[in-house]
């Protein structure tokens, strides 16, 4: 737990003042700690309690991490709203996840029950706002996935992905 708090303090420039106390207000920390408990229960074979815990955590934090997901050390979920991490996802150490990130499957019509359906994220990866990594793809160590990227294929270590920038709208002439 202290590693998680230190990771938040190191990676969030918005923390000021009594940083440990302020970091304890982060929904990402509570979701992560709840997931760790739920994951242990899931590994013990309990069928309902881990899912109930993950859904309660989702209600309270806006972050949904399936109890079957494997999460490495010092994951930092910044802001946290609408983060979804699927059942067979694997997340490495020192990963940073911004809000609205999805580590999901491609859909029930593509993904068979019991198969690997979710991504594997390497160590020290940054997943930008709104990034979606879908299917059993691998994102290599030290990769940066930019805001709003849709990743459907493997990403090599150290890669930098970015979504195409939107073009500005033309402005109408001002009214007299």
N, C-alpha and C. Protein backbone atom coordinates (compact mmCIF):
# COMPACT_ATOMS: atom_id res chain seq x y z
N UNK A 1 0.82 -1.19 0.00
CA UNK A 1 0.00 0.00 0.00
C UNK A 1 0.87 1.26 0.00
N UNK A 2 1.97 1.22 0.74
CA UNK A 2 2.86 2.38 0.75
C UNK A 2 3.48 2.62 -0.62
N UNK A 3 3.80 1.54 -1.34
CA UNK A 3 4.32 1.67 -2.70
C UNK A 3 3.33 2.40 -3.59
N UNK A 4 2.05 2.08 -3.44
CA UNK A 4 1.01 2.72 -4.25
C UNK A 4 0.90 4.20 -3.93
N UNK A 5 0.97 4.54 -2.66
CA UNK A 5 0.91 5.95 -2.25
C UNK A 5 2.13 6.70 -2.78
N UNK A 6 3.30 6.11 -2.66
CA UNK A 6 4.53 6.75 -3.18
C UNK A 6 4.45 6.94 -4.68
N UNK A 7 3.89 5.96 -5.39
CA UNK A 7 3.75 6.08 -6.84
C UNK A 7 2.85 7.26 -7.19
N UNK A 8 1.75 7.43 -6.47
CA UNK A 8 0.85 8.56 -6.72
C UNK A 8 1.55 9.88 -6.46
N UNK A 9 2.30 9.95 -5.38
CA UNK A 9 3.01 11.19 -5.04
C UNK A 9 4.07 11.50 -6.10
N UNK A 10 4.79 10.49 -6.57
CA UNK A 10 5.84 10.71 -7.59
C UNK A 10 5.27 11.12 -8.94
N UNK A 11 4.14 10.54 -9.32
CA UNK A 11 3.65 10.73 -10.69
C UNK A 11 2.59 11.79 -10.85
N UNK A 12 2.07 12.35 -9.78
CA UNK A 12 1.02 13.37 -9.93
C UNK A 12 1.55 14.73 -9.52
N UNK A 13 1.76 15.62 -10.50
CA UNK A 13 2.27 16.95 -10.16
C UNK A 13 1.24 17.82 -9.46
N UNK A 14 -0.01 17.40 -9.41
CA UNK A 14 -1.05 18.20 -8.77
C UNK A 14 -1.08 18.04 -7.25
N UNK A 15 -0.32 17.11 -6.71
CA UNK A 15 -0.30 16.92 -5.25
C UNK A 15 0.51 18.02 -4.58
N UNK A 16 -0.08 18.68 -3.61
CA UNK A 16 0.58 19.75 -2.86
C UNK A 16 0.32 19.54 -1.38
N UNK A 17 1.01 20.27 -0.55
CA UNK A 17 0.74 20.23 0.88
C UNK A 17 1.04 18.88 1.49
N UNK A 18 0.10 18.38 2.27
CA UNK A 18 0.26 17.10 2.95
C UNK A 18 -0.08 16.01 1.94
N UNK A 19 0.91 15.62 1.17
CA UNK A 19 0.69 14.77 0.01
C UNK A 19 0.13 13.39 0.34
N UNK A 20 0.57 12.80 1.42
CA UNK A 20 0.08 11.46 1.76
C UNK A 20 -1.42 11.51 2.05
N UNK A 21 -1.84 12.50 2.81
CA UNK A 21 -3.26 12.62 3.14
C UNK A 21 -4.06 12.90 1.88
N UNK A 22 -3.56 13.79 1.02
CA UNK A 22 -4.26 14.11 -0.22
C UNK A 22 -4.32 12.90 -1.15
N UNK A 23 -3.24 12.15 -1.22
CA UNK A 23 -3.22 10.95 -2.08
C UNK A 23 -4.26 9.93 -1.63
N UNK A 24 -4.54 9.88 -0.35
CA UNK A 24 -5.54 8.94 0.16
C UNK A 24 -6.95 9.25 -0.35
N UNK A 25 -7.14 10.42 -0.92
CA UNK A 25 -8.43 10.77 -1.49
C UNK A 25 -8.59 10.29 -2.93
N UNK A 26 -7.54 9.74 -3.51
CA UNK A 26 -7.57 9.32 -4.91
C UNK A 26 -8.39 8.05 -5.08
N UNK A 27 -9.39 8.07 -5.96
CA UNK A 27 -10.21 6.86 -6.16
C UNK A 27 -9.40 5.71 -6.75
N UNK A 28 -8.34 6.03 -7.51
CA UNK A 28 -7.51 4.98 -8.09
C UNK A 28 -6.85 4.12 -7.02
N UNK A 29 -6.42 4.73 -5.93
CA UNK A 29 -5.82 3.95 -4.85
C UNK A 29 -6.84 3.02 -4.22
N UNK A 30 -8.03 3.52 -3.94
CA UNK A 30 -9.06 2.69 -3.31
C UNK A 30 -9.49 1.56 -4.23
N UNK A 31 -9.60 1.86 -5.53
CA UNK A 31 -9.97 0.81 -6.49
C UNK A 31 -8.89 -0.26 -6.55
N UNK A 32 -7.65 0.16 -6.53
CA UNK A 32 -6.53 -0.79 -6.60
C UNK A 32 -6.48 -1.67 -5.35
N UNK A 33 -6.63 -1.06 -4.19
CA UNK A 33 -6.60 -1.84 -2.95
C UNK A 33 -7.79 -2.80 -2.87
N UNK A 34 -8.94 -2.35 -3.30
CA UNK A 34 -10.11 -3.23 -3.33
C UNK A 34 -9.88 -4.38 -4.31
N UNK A 35 -9.28 -4.07 -5.46
CA UNK A 35 -8.99 -5.12 -6.44
C UNK A 35 -8.06 -6.18 -5.85
N UNK A 36 -7.06 -5.75 -5.13
CA UNK A 36 -6.12 -6.72 -4.56
C UNK A 36 -6.82 -7.70 -3.64
N UNK A 37 -7.74 -7.20 -2.84
CA UNK A 37 -8.52 -8.09 -1.97
C UNK A 37 -9.41 -9.00 -2.82
N UNK A 38 -10.12 -8.42 -3.78
CA UNK A 38 -11.00 -9.20 -4.64
C UNK A 38 -10.24 -10.24 -5.46
N UNK A 39 -9.03 -9.90 -5.91
CA UNK A 39 -8.21 -10.84 -6.68
C UNK A 39 -7.81 -12.04 -5.84
N UNK A 40 -7.47 -11.79 -4.59
CA UNK A 40 -7.14 -12.91 -3.69
C UNK A 40 -8.34 -13.82 -3.49
N UNK A 41 -9.49 -13.23 -3.30
CA UNK A 41 -10.71 -14.03 -3.14
C UNK A 41 -11.03 -14.80 -4.42
N UNK A 42 -10.81 -14.16 -5.56
CA UNK A 42 -11.04 -14.80 -6.86
C UNK A 42 -10.12 -16.01 -7.04
N UNK A 43 -8.86 -15.86 -6.66
CA UNK A 43 -7.89 -16.97 -6.77
C UNK A 43 -8.24 -18.11 -5.84
N UNK A 44 -8.94 -17.80 -4.75
CA UNK A 44 -9.37 -18.86 -3.83
C UNK A 44 -10.60 -19.60 -4.35
N UNK A 45 -11.16 -19.13 -5.46
CA UNK A 45 -12.28 -19.82 -6.07
C UNK A 45 -13.65 -19.40 -5.57
N UNK A 46 -13.72 -18.30 -4.83
CA UNK A 46 -15.03 -17.81 -4.38
C UNK A 46 -15.77 -17.24 -5.59
N UNK A 47 -17.00 -17.65 -5.83
CA UNK A 47 -17.68 -17.26 -7.07
C UNK A 47 -18.32 -15.88 -7.07
N UNK A 48 -18.89 -15.42 -5.99
CA UNK A 48 -19.71 -14.22 -6.01
C UNK A 48 -19.07 -13.03 -5.30
N UNK A 49 -18.44 -13.25 -4.18
CA UNK A 49 -17.93 -12.16 -3.35
C UNK A 49 -16.93 -11.26 -4.09
N UNK A 50 -15.97 -11.80 -4.86
CA UNK A 50 -15.04 -10.91 -5.57
C UNK A 50 -15.75 -10.00 -6.58
N UNK A 51 -16.73 -10.53 -7.30
CA UNK A 51 -17.47 -9.71 -8.28
C UNK A 51 -18.31 -8.66 -7.57
N UNK A 52 -18.93 -9.03 -6.45
CA UNK A 52 -19.72 -8.06 -5.69
C UNK A 52 -18.82 -6.92 -5.19
N UNK A 53 -17.63 -7.27 -4.71
CA UNK A 53 -16.69 -6.26 -4.25
C UNK A 53 -16.26 -5.34 -5.39
N UNK A 54 -15.99 -5.92 -6.57
CA UNK A 54 -15.56 -5.08 -7.71
C UNK A 54 -16.69 -4.15 -8.15
N UNK A 55 -17.93 -4.61 -8.10
CA UNK A 55 -19.06 -3.76 -8.50
C UNK A 55 -19.32 -2.67 -7.46
N UNK A 56 -19.16 -2.98 -6.19
CA UNK A 56 -19.29 -1.95 -5.15
C UNK A 56 -18.20 -0.89 -5.32
N UNK A 57 -16.99 -1.35 -5.61
CA UNK A 57 -15.88 -0.43 -5.83
C UNK A 57 -16.15 0.45 -7.05
N UNK A 58 -16.70 -0.14 -8.08
CA UNK A 58 -17.05 0.62 -9.29
C UNK A 58 -18.07 1.70 -8.96
N UNK A 59 -19.05 1.36 -8.15
CA UNK A 59 -20.08 2.31 -7.75
C UNK A 59 -19.46 3.49 -6.98
N UNK A 60 -18.50 3.18 -6.11
CA UNK A 60 -17.91 4.21 -5.26
C UNK A 60 -16.81 5.02 -5.95
N UNK A 61 -16.10 4.41 -6.90
CA UNK A 61 -14.93 5.09 -7.48
C UNK A 61 -15.06 5.39 -8.97
N UNK A 62 -15.97 4.72 -9.66
CA UNK A 62 -16.07 4.88 -11.11
C UNK A 62 -15.03 4.08 -11.87
N UNK A 63 -14.31 3.21 -11.17
CA UNK A 63 -13.25 2.39 -11.76
C UNK A 63 -13.66 0.93 -11.65
N UNK A 64 -13.64 0.22 -12.77
CA UNK A 64 -14.01 -1.19 -12.75
C UNK A 64 -12.81 -2.05 -13.11
N UNK A 65 -12.36 -2.84 -12.15
CA UNK A 65 -11.27 -3.79 -12.37
C UNK A 65 -11.82 -5.17 -12.04
N UNK A 66 -11.87 -6.04 -13.03
CA UNK A 66 -12.38 -7.39 -12.80
C UNK A 66 -11.45 -8.10 -11.82
N UNK A 67 -11.99 -8.88 -10.88
CA UNK A 67 -11.15 -9.56 -9.90
C UNK A 67 -10.17 -10.56 -10.51
N UNK A 68 -10.41 -11.00 -11.73
CA UNK A 68 -9.49 -11.92 -12.39
C UNK A 68 -8.29 -11.25 -13.01
N UNK A 69 -8.32 -9.94 -13.19
CA UNK A 69 -7.20 -9.22 -13.79
C UNK A 69 -5.97 -9.31 -12.89
N UNK A 70 -4.80 -9.39 -13.52
CA UNK A 70 -3.54 -9.44 -12.77
C UNK A 70 -2.88 -8.07 -12.88
N UNK A 71 -2.71 -7.41 -11.73
CA UNK A 71 -2.19 -6.05 -11.69
C UNK A 71 -0.82 -6.06 -11.01
N UNK A 72 0.15 -5.43 -11.66
CA UNK A 72 1.50 -5.36 -11.09
C UNK A 72 1.61 -4.33 -9.98
N UNK A 73 2.83 -4.06 -9.60
CA UNK A 73 3.10 -3.13 -8.50
C UNK A 73 3.08 -1.69 -8.98
N UNK A 74 2.68 -0.82 -8.09
CA UNK A 74 2.74 0.63 -8.28
C UNK A 74 1.95 1.14 -9.48
N UNK A 75 0.80 0.53 -9.76
CA UNK A 75 -0.10 1.07 -10.77
C UNK A 75 -0.62 2.40 -10.28
N UNK A 76 -0.60 3.41 -11.14
CA UNK A 76 -1.16 4.72 -10.79
C UNK A 76 -2.29 5.03 -11.74
N UNK A 77 -3.49 5.17 -11.21
CA UNK A 77 -4.67 5.52 -12.00
C UNK A 77 -4.98 6.98 -11.69
N UNK A 78 -4.66 7.87 -12.62
CA UNK A 78 -4.86 9.30 -12.42
C UNK A 78 -6.29 9.67 -12.79
N UNK A 79 -6.96 10.35 -11.92
CA UNK A 79 -8.37 10.75 -12.03
C UNK A 79 -9.30 9.55 -11.92
N UNK A 80 -9.11 8.55 -12.75
CA UNK A 80 -9.80 7.28 -12.57
C UNK A 80 -11.17 7.13 -13.19
N UNK A 81 -11.87 8.20 -13.48
CA UNK A 81 -13.24 8.07 -13.97
C UNK A 81 -13.31 7.20 -15.22
N UNK A 82 -14.17 6.21 -15.18
CA UNK A 82 -14.49 5.35 -16.32
C UNK A 82 -13.34 4.46 -16.79
N UNK A 83 -12.43 4.12 -15.91
CA UNK A 83 -11.39 3.14 -16.25
C UNK A 83 -11.99 1.74 -16.14
N UNK A 84 -11.72 0.89 -17.14
CA UNK A 84 -12.21 -0.48 -17.15
C UNK A 84 -11.05 -1.41 -17.47
N UNK A 85 -10.83 -2.40 -16.61
CA UNK A 85 -9.78 -3.41 -16.82
C UNK A 85 -10.45 -4.77 -16.76
N UNK A 86 -10.38 -5.50 -17.89
CA UNK A 86 -11.10 -6.75 -18.04
C UNK A 86 -10.47 -7.94 -17.33
N UNK A 87 -11.21 -9.03 -17.34
CA UNK A 87 -10.90 -10.23 -16.56
C UNK A 87 -9.54 -10.85 -16.85
N UNK A 88 -9.15 -10.98 -18.10
CA UNK A 88 -7.88 -11.66 -18.40
C UNK A 88 -6.76 -10.68 -18.69
N UNK A 89 -6.97 -9.39 -18.37
CA UNK A 89 -5.92 -8.39 -18.56
C UNK A 89 -4.77 -8.63 -17.59
N UNK A 90 -3.59 -8.29 -18.06
CA UNK A 90 -2.39 -8.31 -17.21
C UNK A 90 -1.72 -6.96 -17.34
N UNK A 91 -1.45 -6.33 -16.20
CA UNK A 91 -0.85 -5.00 -16.17
C UNK A 91 0.47 -5.10 -15.43
N UNK A 92 1.54 -4.63 -16.05
CA UNK A 92 2.88 -4.72 -15.47
C UNK A 92 3.10 -3.73 -14.33
N UNK A 93 4.35 -3.61 -13.94
CA UNK A 93 4.74 -2.71 -12.85
C UNK A 93 4.91 -1.28 -13.35
N UNK A 94 4.64 -0.32 -12.46
CA UNK A 94 4.89 1.10 -12.71
C UNK A 94 4.14 1.65 -13.92
N UNK A 95 2.93 1.16 -14.13
CA UNK A 95 2.09 1.61 -15.24
C UNK A 95 1.27 2.81 -14.78
N UNK A 96 1.08 3.78 -15.68
CA UNK A 96 0.23 4.94 -15.42
C UNK A 96 -0.97 4.88 -16.35
N UNK A 97 -2.17 5.00 -15.78
CA UNK A 97 -3.41 4.93 -16.52
C UNK A 97 -4.19 6.21 -16.25
N UNK A 98 -4.59 6.91 -17.30
CA UNK A 98 -5.42 8.10 -17.15
C UNK A 98 -6.90 7.73 -17.31
N UNK A 99 -7.77 8.69 -17.11
CA UNK A 99 -9.21 8.39 -17.10
C UNK A 99 -9.71 7.95 -18.48
N UNK A 100 -10.80 7.19 -18.43
CA UNK A 100 -11.51 6.66 -19.60
C UNK A 100 -10.69 5.64 -20.39
N UNK A 101 -9.71 5.00 -19.77
CA UNK A 101 -8.93 3.95 -20.43
C UNK A 101 -9.69 2.63 -20.31
N UNK A 102 -9.69 1.87 -21.41
CA UNK A 102 -10.31 0.54 -21.41
C UNK A 102 -9.28 -0.49 -21.83
N UNK A 103 -9.12 -1.51 -21.01
CA UNK A 103 -8.33 -2.69 -21.35
C UNK A 103 -9.35 -3.81 -21.47
N UNK A 104 -9.89 -3.96 -22.68
CA UNK A 104 -11.04 -4.83 -22.84
C UNK A 104 -10.89 -5.88 -23.92
N UNK A 105 -11.94 -6.66 -24.06
CA UNK A 105 -12.02 -7.68 -25.09
C UNK A 105 -12.59 -7.09 -26.37
N UNK A 106 -12.60 -7.88 -27.41
CA UNK A 106 -13.13 -7.44 -28.70
C UNK A 106 -14.63 -7.68 -28.81
N UNK A 107 -15.18 -8.51 -27.97
CA UNK A 107 -16.62 -8.78 -28.00
C UNK A 107 -16.88 -10.27 -27.89
N UNK A 108 -18.05 -10.62 -27.40
CA UNK A 108 -18.39 -12.03 -27.18
C UNK A 108 -18.38 -12.82 -28.47
N UNK A 109 -18.61 -12.18 -29.60
CA UNK A 109 -18.64 -12.88 -30.88
C UNK A 109 -17.24 -13.24 -31.37
N UNK A 110 -16.20 -12.61 -30.80
CA UNK A 110 -14.81 -12.89 -31.19
C UNK A 110 -14.07 -13.71 -30.15
N UNK A 111 -14.40 -13.48 -28.90
CA UNK A 111 -13.61 -14.02 -27.79
C UNK A 111 -14.32 -15.21 -27.17
N UNK A 112 -13.69 -16.37 -27.21
CA UNK A 112 -14.27 -17.56 -26.62
C UNK A 112 -14.15 -17.59 -25.12
N UNK A 113 -15.09 -18.25 -24.46
CA UNK A 113 -15.02 -18.40 -23.00
C UNK A 113 -13.75 -19.15 -22.62
N UNK A 114 -13.09 -18.68 -21.59
CA UNK A 114 -11.89 -19.32 -21.11
C UNK A 114 -10.63 -18.95 -21.90
N UNK A 115 -10.78 -18.19 -22.98
CA UNK A 115 -9.61 -17.79 -23.77
C UNK A 115 -9.05 -16.48 -23.24
N UNK A 116 -7.86 -16.18 -23.64
CA UNK A 116 -7.23 -14.90 -23.30
C UNK A 116 -7.90 -13.84 -24.16
N UNK A 117 -8.66 -12.94 -23.52
CA UNK A 117 -9.47 -11.98 -24.26
C UNK A 117 -9.02 -10.53 -24.12
N UNK A 118 -8.15 -10.28 -23.18
CA UNK A 118 -7.79 -8.91 -22.83
C UNK A 118 -6.29 -8.68 -23.00
N UNK A 119 -5.85 -7.43 -23.02
CA UNK A 119 -4.45 -7.11 -23.29
C UNK A 119 -3.50 -7.45 -22.15
N UNK A 120 -2.24 -7.53 -22.53
CA UNK A 120 -1.12 -7.62 -21.59
C UNK A 120 -0.33 -6.33 -21.73
N UNK A 121 -0.19 -5.61 -20.64
CA UNK A 121 0.48 -4.31 -20.65
C UNK A 121 1.83 -4.49 -19.95
N UNK A 122 2.90 -4.08 -20.62
CA UNK A 122 4.25 -4.23 -20.06
C UNK A 122 4.53 -3.26 -18.92
N UNK A 123 5.76 -3.26 -18.46
CA UNK A 123 6.19 -2.38 -17.37
C UNK A 123 6.41 -0.96 -17.87
N UNK A 124 6.14 0.01 -17.00
CA UNK A 124 6.40 1.43 -17.24
C UNK A 124 5.66 1.99 -18.46
N UNK A 125 4.51 1.44 -18.75
CA UNK A 125 3.68 1.91 -19.87
C UNK A 125 2.80 3.06 -19.40
N UNK A 126 2.56 4.02 -20.27
CA UNK A 126 1.63 5.11 -20.01
C UNK A 126 0.47 4.96 -20.98
N UNK A 127 -0.76 4.94 -20.43
CA UNK A 127 -1.98 4.83 -21.23
C UNK A 127 -2.73 6.15 -21.11
N UNK A 128 -2.74 6.93 -22.18
CA UNK A 128 -3.33 8.27 -22.17
C UNK A 128 -4.84 8.28 -22.07
N UNK A 129 -5.38 9.44 -21.84
CA UNK A 129 -6.82 9.65 -21.67
C UNK A 129 -7.61 9.02 -22.81
N UNK A 130 -8.57 8.19 -22.48
CA UNK A 130 -9.47 7.62 -23.47
C UNK A 130 -8.88 6.54 -24.35
N UNK A 131 -7.69 6.07 -24.04
CA UNK A 131 -7.08 5.00 -24.84
C UNK A 131 -7.86 3.70 -24.64
N UNK A 132 -8.02 2.95 -25.72
CA UNK A 132 -8.68 1.64 -25.66
C UNK A 132 -7.73 0.61 -26.24
N UNK A 133 -7.38 -0.37 -25.44
CA UNK A 133 -6.53 -1.47 -25.89
C UNK A 133 -7.42 -2.71 -25.82
N UNK A 134 -7.72 -3.28 -27.00
CA UNK A 134 -8.74 -4.31 -27.07
C UNK A 134 -8.19 -5.61 -27.62
N UNK A 135 -8.57 -6.70 -26.99
CA UNK A 135 -8.18 -8.02 -27.45
C UNK A 135 -6.90 -8.50 -26.80
N UNK A 136 -6.46 -9.69 -27.18
CA UNK A 136 -5.29 -10.30 -26.55
C UNK A 136 -3.97 -9.77 -27.13
N UNK A 137 -3.82 -8.45 -27.12
CA UNK A 137 -2.62 -7.83 -27.66
C UNK A 137 -1.60 -7.61 -26.56
N UNK A 138 -0.38 -7.38 -26.94
CA UNK A 138 0.70 -7.11 -26.00
C UNK A 138 1.23 -5.71 -26.25
N UNK A 139 1.30 -4.90 -25.19
CA UNK A 139 1.92 -3.58 -25.25
C UNK A 139 3.25 -3.71 -24.54
N UNK A 140 4.35 -3.48 -25.29
CA UNK A 140 5.69 -3.69 -24.75
C UNK A 140 6.08 -2.69 -23.68
N UNK A 141 7.11 -3.04 -22.93
CA UNK A 141 7.63 -2.18 -21.87
C UNK A 141 7.95 -0.79 -22.40
N UNK A 142 7.73 0.22 -21.56
CA UNK A 142 8.10 1.61 -21.83
C UNK A 142 7.35 2.25 -23.00
N UNK A 143 6.28 1.63 -23.47
CA UNK A 143 5.48 2.22 -24.54
C UNK A 143 4.60 3.33 -23.97
N UNK A 144 4.28 4.30 -24.82
CA UNK A 144 3.35 5.36 -24.47
C UNK A 144 2.22 5.32 -25.48
N UNK A 145 1.02 5.10 -24.97
CA UNK A 145 -0.17 5.07 -25.82
C UNK A 145 -0.87 6.41 -25.59
N UNK A 146 -0.95 7.21 -26.62
CA UNK A 146 -1.49 8.56 -26.50
C UNK A 146 -2.99 8.60 -26.28
N UNK A 147 -3.46 9.81 -26.03
CA UNK A 147 -4.89 10.02 -25.77
C UNK A 147 -5.73 9.56 -26.95
N UNK A 148 -6.79 8.87 -26.64
CA UNK A 148 -7.81 8.43 -27.60
C UNK A 148 -7.31 7.46 -28.66
N UNK A 149 -6.21 6.79 -28.40
CA UNK A 149 -5.73 5.77 -29.34
C UNK A 149 -6.57 4.50 -29.20
N UNK A 150 -6.79 3.85 -30.32
CA UNK A 150 -7.44 2.55 -30.35
C UNK A 150 -6.38 1.55 -30.77
N UNK A 151 -6.03 0.63 -29.87
CA UNK A 151 -4.97 -0.34 -30.11
C UNK A 151 -5.59 -1.72 -30.30
N UNK A 152 -5.36 -2.30 -31.49
CA UNK A 152 -5.91 -3.62 -31.81
C UNK A 152 -4.82 -4.63 -32.16
N UNK A 153 -3.56 -4.18 -32.20
CA UNK A 153 -2.43 -5.04 -32.54
C UNK A 153 -1.30 -4.81 -31.55
N UNK A 154 -0.37 -5.74 -31.50
CA UNK A 154 0.76 -5.62 -30.58
C UNK A 154 1.52 -4.30 -30.78
N UNK A 155 2.05 -3.78 -29.67
CA UNK A 155 2.83 -2.54 -29.69
C UNK A 155 4.22 -2.89 -29.20
N UNK A 156 5.27 -2.57 -29.98
CA UNK A 156 6.63 -2.93 -29.56
C UNK A 156 7.09 -2.11 -28.35
N UNK A 157 8.07 -2.63 -27.62
CA UNK A 157 8.61 -1.88 -26.49
C UNK A 157 9.12 -0.50 -26.92
N UNK A 158 8.86 0.49 -26.09
CA UNK A 158 9.35 1.84 -26.34
C UNK A 158 8.59 2.62 -27.39
N UNK A 159 7.56 2.06 -27.98
CA UNK A 159 6.81 2.74 -29.04
C UNK A 159 6.04 3.92 -28.47
N UNK A 160 5.79 4.90 -29.32
CA UNK A 160 4.98 6.06 -28.97
C UNK A 160 3.84 6.14 -29.98
N UNK A 161 2.61 5.93 -29.51
CA UNK A 161 1.45 5.99 -30.40
C UNK A 161 0.66 7.25 -30.09
N UNK A 162 0.09 7.83 -31.12
CA UNK A 162 -0.82 8.95 -30.90
C UNK A 162 -1.94 8.89 -31.93
N UNK A 163 -3.10 9.33 -31.50
CA UNK A 163 -4.25 9.36 -32.40
C UNK A 163 -4.11 10.58 -33.31
N UNK A 164 -4.67 10.52 -34.51
CA UNK A 164 -4.60 11.69 -35.38
C UNK A 164 -5.31 12.87 -34.72
N UNK A 165 -4.73 14.02 -34.87
CA UNK A 165 -5.33 15.23 -34.30
C UNK A 165 -6.52 15.66 -35.14
N UNK A 166 -7.50 16.19 -34.48
CA UNK A 166 -8.67 16.70 -35.18
C UNK A 166 -8.31 17.99 -35.89
N UNK A 167 -8.92 18.23 -37.02
CA UNK A 167 -8.68 19.49 -37.72
C UNK A 167 -9.65 20.53 -37.19
N UNK A 168 -9.19 21.76 -37.07
CA UNK A 168 -10.08 22.79 -36.52
C UNK A 168 -11.22 23.10 -37.48
N UNK A 169 -12.34 23.42 -36.90
CA UNK A 169 -13.49 23.82 -37.70
C UNK A 169 -13.25 25.21 -38.27
N UNK A 170 -13.78 25.47 -39.43
CA UNK A 170 -13.67 26.84 -39.96
C UNK A 170 -14.68 27.68 -39.23
N UNK A 171 -14.30 28.89 -38.99
CA UNK A 171 -15.20 29.78 -38.25
C UNK A 171 -16.03 30.57 -39.25
N UNK A 172 -17.23 30.82 -38.86
CA UNK A 172 -18.12 31.64 -39.69
C UNK A 172 -17.72 33.10 -39.53
N UNK A 173 -18.08 33.88 -40.50
CA UNK A 173 -17.78 35.31 -40.41
C UNK A 173 -18.58 35.92 -39.27
N UNK A 174 -17.97 36.86 -38.56
CA UNK A 174 -18.69 37.47 -37.44
C UNK A 174 -19.91 38.25 -37.95
N UNK A 175 -20.92 38.26 -37.11
CA UNK A 175 -22.13 39.02 -37.45
C UNK A 175 -21.88 40.50 -37.24
N UNK A 176 -22.54 41.32 -38.06
CA UNK A 176 -22.34 42.78 -37.88
C UNK A 176 -22.99 43.30 -36.62
